[in-house]
């Protein structure tokens, strides 16, 4: 029975092999390592994830909590994400966050709502970002003009709590999150799939991945924004 189970599992993984006809690199983009890997599981085979080399990424400019477990190529995307986060946060708050809080990277599971499709999380090719933790304003740094002095202290920013905020300090956090989302949408060299509160089931996080197609729905109206928006203003 054990041998039969192993054979069936091996057959399942065989369906997740190179299959250039199943997927295609988005037009005009460089080929990515997993572009030709079929995400669809053949009928009648048990679910499983292929074996891939994964790295534990603790973060560079920011700490990742918990550590990200991803393929090396996706780690490079996370490094670019950190740079964008740091730039936007410095515009809005006068310093970058200390920590990026994620809800998960590698997890061998199906795509939500598609039981025969492997999630990008099952390939170490995705991250769910819940928010960011900021420390006190560093010595010698200054707050952007017009920002309340309370922002000199440490604070948390969360997609679930602040995305739709309209007033007070929370509205500043909403501006940070939405400016960050627009910058990332404009940077097609970082992620191909960007989902957020405007997509069902993503009210508490941003989902970023490198699937072999382009899909963007962070904002409620589903608008895909073009071009890099201007720096945030108080």
Protein backbone atom coordinates (compact mmCIF):
# COMPACT_ATOMS: atom_id res chain seq x y z
CA UNK A 1 0.00 0.00 0.00
CA UNK A 2 2.82 2.39 0.86
CA UNK A 3 4.56 1.65 -2.46
CA UNK A 4 1.31 2.25 -4.35
CA UNK A 5 0.76 5.53 -2.56
CA UNK A 6 4.28 6.68 -3.46
CA UNK A 7 3.75 5.74 -7.10
CA UNK A 8 0.48 7.70 -7.21
CA UNK A 9 2.17 10.71 -5.61
CA UNK A 10 4.97 10.49 -8.16
CA UNK A 11 2.40 10.43 -10.95
CA UNK A 12 0.78 13.55 -9.53
CA UNK A 13 4.09 15.41 -9.50
CA UNK A 14 4.73 14.31 -13.05
CA UNK A 15 1.72 16.33 -14.14
CA UNK A 16 3.44 19.44 -12.77
CA UNK A 17 6.40 19.25 -15.13
CA UNK A 18 7.54 21.41 -17.99
CA UNK A 19 4.57 21.96 -20.30
CA UNK A 20 5.16 24.90 -22.62
CA UNK A 21 1.70 24.51 -24.17
CA UNK A 22 -0.04 24.99 -20.83
CA UNK A 23 1.25 28.49 -20.02
CA UNK A 24 3.08 31.31 -21.75
CA UNK A 25 5.25 34.20 -20.61
CA UNK A 26 3.26 37.46 -20.70
CA UNK A 27 3.97 39.37 -23.89
CA UNK A 28 6.97 41.67 -23.69
CA UNK A 29 8.28 40.22 -20.42
CA UNK A 30 11.48 38.32 -19.74
CA UNK A 31 11.16 34.57 -19.26
CA UNK A 32 10.89 33.55 -15.61
CA UNK A 33 12.11 30.22 -14.24
CA UNK A 34 8.63 28.77 -13.60
CA UNK A 35 6.87 30.08 -16.72
CA UNK A 36 6.74 26.69 -18.43
CA UNK A 37 5.65 24.77 -15.34
CA UNK A 38 2.03 23.64 -15.65
CA UNK A 39 -0.06 24.48 -12.60
CA UNK A 40 -2.92 22.16 -13.56
CA UNK A 41 -3.23 18.72 -11.99
CA UNK A 42 -4.42 15.98 -14.33
CA UNK A 43 -7.81 14.41 -13.45
CA UNK A 44 -7.61 11.30 -11.32
CA UNK A 45 -4.26 12.08 -9.70
CA UNK A 46 -3.78 13.05 -6.05
CA UNK A 47 -2.72 16.56 -5.21
CA UNK A 48 0.95 17.30 -4.64
CA UNK A 49 3.62 19.97 -5.06
CA UNK A 50 6.86 19.59 -7.03
CA UNK A 51 10.16 19.65 -5.20
CA UNK A 52 11.91 22.99 -5.67
CA UNK A 53 14.94 24.54 -4.02
CA UNK A 54 13.68 27.05 -1.46
CA UNK A 55 15.56 29.66 0.54
CA UNK A 56 14.72 31.23 3.89
CA UNK A 57 14.71 34.99 3.42
CA UNK A 58 14.82 37.06 6.60
CA UNK A 59 14.77 40.35 4.73
CA UNK A 60 17.41 42.90 3.85
CA UNK A 61 16.30 46.52 4.19
CA UNK A 62 13.28 45.27 6.19
CA UNK A 63 12.78 42.28 8.47
CA UNK A 64 10.25 39.74 7.24
CA UNK A 65 8.01 38.32 9.97
CA UNK A 66 7.83 35.39 9.66
CA UNK A 67 10.78 34.67 7.37
CA UNK A 68 9.85 34.18 3.72
CA UNK A 69 10.39 30.70 2.28
CA UNK A 70 10.61 31.11 -1.49
CA UNK A 71 12.53 30.11 -4.59
CA UNK A 72 15.72 32.17 -5.17
CA UNK A 73 14.21 34.00 -8.16
CA UNK A 74 11.27 35.19 -6.07
CA UNK A 75 13.65 36.35 -3.34
CA UNK A 76 15.00 38.82 -5.89
CA UNK A 77 11.45 40.15 -6.32
CA UNK A 78 11.12 40.57 -2.56
CA UNK A 79 14.30 42.64 -2.51
CA UNK A 80 12.75 44.96 -5.11
CA UNK A 81 9.55 45.09 -3.04
CA UNK A 82 11.56 46.22 -0.01
CA UNK A 83 13.09 49.08 -1.98
CA UNK A 84 9.67 50.36 -3.11
CA UNK A 85 8.21 50.03 0.40
CA UNK A 86 11.16 51.94 1.88
CA UNK A 87 10.86 54.75 -0.68
CA UNK A 88 7.11 55.24 -0.23
CA UNK A 89 7.31 54.99 3.56
CA UNK A 90 10.08 57.61 3.67
CA UNK A 91 7.92 59.97 1.61
CA UNK A 92 4.92 59.51 3.90
CA UNK A 93 6.46 58.95 7.35
CA UNK A 94 10.06 60.14 7.10
CA UNK A 95 11.57 56.64 7.49
CA UNK A 96 11.09 53.08 6.23
CA UNK A 97 9.36 50.43 8.35
CA UNK A 98 11.38 48.01 10.43
CA UNK A 99 9.26 44.97 9.62
CA UNK A 100 7.15 43.56 6.82
CA UNK A 101 4.42 41.35 8.30
CA UNK A 102 3.44 38.50 5.99
CA UNK A 103 0.67 35.92 6.21
CA UNK A 104 2.55 33.27 4.30
CA UNK A 105 4.91 32.40 1.48
CA UNK A 106 5.49 28.70 0.70
CA UNK A 107 2.53 26.42 1.45
CA UNK A 108 1.67 23.33 -0.59
CA UNK A 109 -1.95 24.05 -1.44
CA UNK A 110 -4.43 24.51 -4.24
CA UNK A 111 -5.45 27.79 -5.80
CA UNK A 112 -8.49 29.15 -3.96
CA UNK A 113 -11.62 28.16 -5.86
CA UNK A 114 -9.71 26.00 -8.35
CA UNK A 115 -9.14 22.54 -6.82
CA UNK A 116 -7.19 21.21 -9.83
CA UNK A 117 -4.75 24.10 -9.91
CA UNK A 118 -1.62 24.52 -7.81
CA UNK A 119 -1.33 27.82 -5.94
CA UNK A 120 1.78 29.91 -6.54
CA UNK A 121 2.33 29.52 -2.81
CA UNK A 122 2.89 25.83 -3.50
CA UNK A 123 5.88 26.82 -5.63
CA UNK A 124 7.41 29.31 -3.18
CA UNK A 125 6.47 31.93 -5.76
CA UNK A 126 4.10 34.19 -3.80
CA UNK A 127 3.73 36.29 -0.67
CA UNK A 128 0.75 37.66 1.28
CA UNK A 129 1.55 40.98 2.95
CA UNK A 130 -0.60 41.98 5.94
CA UNK A 131 1.18 45.22 6.81
CA UNK A 132 4.22 46.90 8.30
CA UNK A 133 5.65 47.83 11.71
CA UNK A 134 7.44 51.14 12.15
CA UNK A 135 9.88 52.08 14.88
CA UNK A 136 10.33 55.57 16.36
CA UNK A 137 11.66 58.30 14.10
CA UNK A 138 15.46 57.90 14.03
CA UNK A 139 17.63 60.56 15.61
CA UNK A 140 18.37 63.31 13.11
CA UNK A 141 15.42 62.41 10.84
CA UNK A 142 12.49 64.76 10.37
CA UNK A 143 8.83 64.17 9.75
CA UNK A 144 7.40 65.24 6.37
CA UNK A 145 5.76 68.67 6.48
CA UNK A 146 2.28 68.65 7.97
CA UNK A 147 2.52 65.22 9.59
CA UNK A 148 1.35 65.06 13.21
CA UNK A 149 4.11 64.85 15.82
CA UNK A 150 2.54 61.61 17.08
CA UNK A 151 4.13 59.89 14.09
CA UNK A 152 7.52 60.30 15.75
CA UNK A 153 6.55 57.27 17.82
CA UNK A 154 6.39 53.70 16.54
CA UNK A 155 3.16 52.38 15.03
CA UNK A 156 1.63 49.60 12.96
CA UNK A 157 0.04 49.78 9.51
CA UNK A 158 -2.33 46.98 8.46
CA UNK A 159 -4.25 46.46 5.23
CA UNK A 160 -7.32 45.20 7.07
CA UNK A 161 -7.48 48.08 9.56
CA UNK A 162 -6.40 51.03 7.43
CA UNK A 163 -7.10 50.48 3.73
CA UNK A 164 -10.49 52.25 3.78
CA UNK A 165 -9.72 54.79 6.52
CA UNK A 166 -10.84 58.35 5.79
CA UNK A 167 -9.82 60.45 8.78
CA UNK A 168 -7.21 61.00 11.45
CA UNK A 169 -3.93 59.13 11.65
CA UNK A 170 -5.51 56.09 10.00
CA UNK A 171 -6.10 58.12 6.83
CA UNK A 172 -2.34 58.68 6.57
CA UNK A 173 -1.86 54.91 6.75
CA UNK A 174 -4.47 54.48 4.00
CA UNK A 175 -2.57 56.95 1.84
CA UNK A 176 0.65 55.03 2.41
CA UNK A 177 -0.93 51.68 1.48
CA UNK A 178 -2.63 53.03 -1.65
CA UNK A 179 0.47 54.88 -2.83
CA UNK A 180 2.47 51.70 -2.31
CA UNK A 181 -0.08 49.71 -4.31
CA UNK A 182 0.06 52.17 -7.21
CA UNK A 183 3.85 52.15 -7.28
CA UNK A 184 3.93 48.37 -7.37
CA UNK A 185 1.31 48.19 -10.12
CA UNK A 186 3.41 50.61 -12.17
CA UNK A 187 6.52 48.46 -11.65
CA UNK A 188 5.74 45.50 -13.91
CA UNK A 189 9.31 44.24 -13.38
CA UNK A 190 8.52 43.14 -9.81
CA UNK A 191 5.27 41.14 -9.74
CA UNK A 192 2.79 39.95 -12.37
CA UNK A 193 -0.16 39.22 -10.08
CA UNK A 194 -1.12 41.88 -7.54
CA UNK A 195 -4.32 41.41 -5.56
CA UNK A 196 -5.73 43.27 -2.57
CA UNK A 197 -8.95 44.48 -0.94
CA UNK A 198 -10.58 44.96 -4.34
CA UNK A 199 -10.38 41.20 -4.98
CA UNK A 200 -12.59 38.70 -3.10
CA UNK A 201 -10.95 37.14 -0.06
CA UNK A 202 -8.15 39.70 0.14
CA UNK A 203 -9.55 42.28 2.53
CA UNK A 204 -6.71 41.83 5.00
CA UNK A 205 -3.66 41.54 2.76
CA UNK A 206 -1.91 42.14 -0.54
CA UNK A 207 -1.10 39.03 -2.56
CA UNK A 208 1.89 39.22 -4.91
CA UNK A 209 3.19 36.45 -7.14
CA UNK A 210 4.97 35.60 -10.38
CA UNK A 211 2.43 33.39 -12.14
CA UNK A 212 2.85 33.14 -15.94
CA UNK A 213 0.14 35.74 -16.58
CA UNK A 214 -0.66 39.33 -15.63
CA UNK A 215 -3.54 40.03 -13.23
CA UNK A 216 -4.08 43.18 -11.17
CA UNK A 217 -6.96 43.92 -8.83
CA UNK A 218 -5.97 45.72 -5.67
CA UNK A 219 -8.41 48.59 -5.83
CA UNK A 220 -12.15 48.11 -5.48
CA UNK A 221 -12.93 49.35 -9.01
CA UNK A 222 -10.37 46.93 -10.47
CA UNK A 223 -8.58 49.79 -12.20
CA UNK A 224 -5.09 48.97 -13.46
CA UNK A 225 -3.11 52.16 -13.04
CA UNK A 226 -0.38 53.09 -15.51
CA UNK A 227 2.71 55.10 -14.76
CA UNK A 228 4.43 55.93 -11.51
CA UNK A 229 2.27 58.29 -9.40
CA UNK A 230 3.92 61.41 -7.99
CA UNK A 231 5.50 61.35 -4.52
CA UNK A 232 3.04 61.38 -1.64
CA UNK A 233 2.24 64.71 -0.04
CA UNK A 234 1.04 65.30 3.55
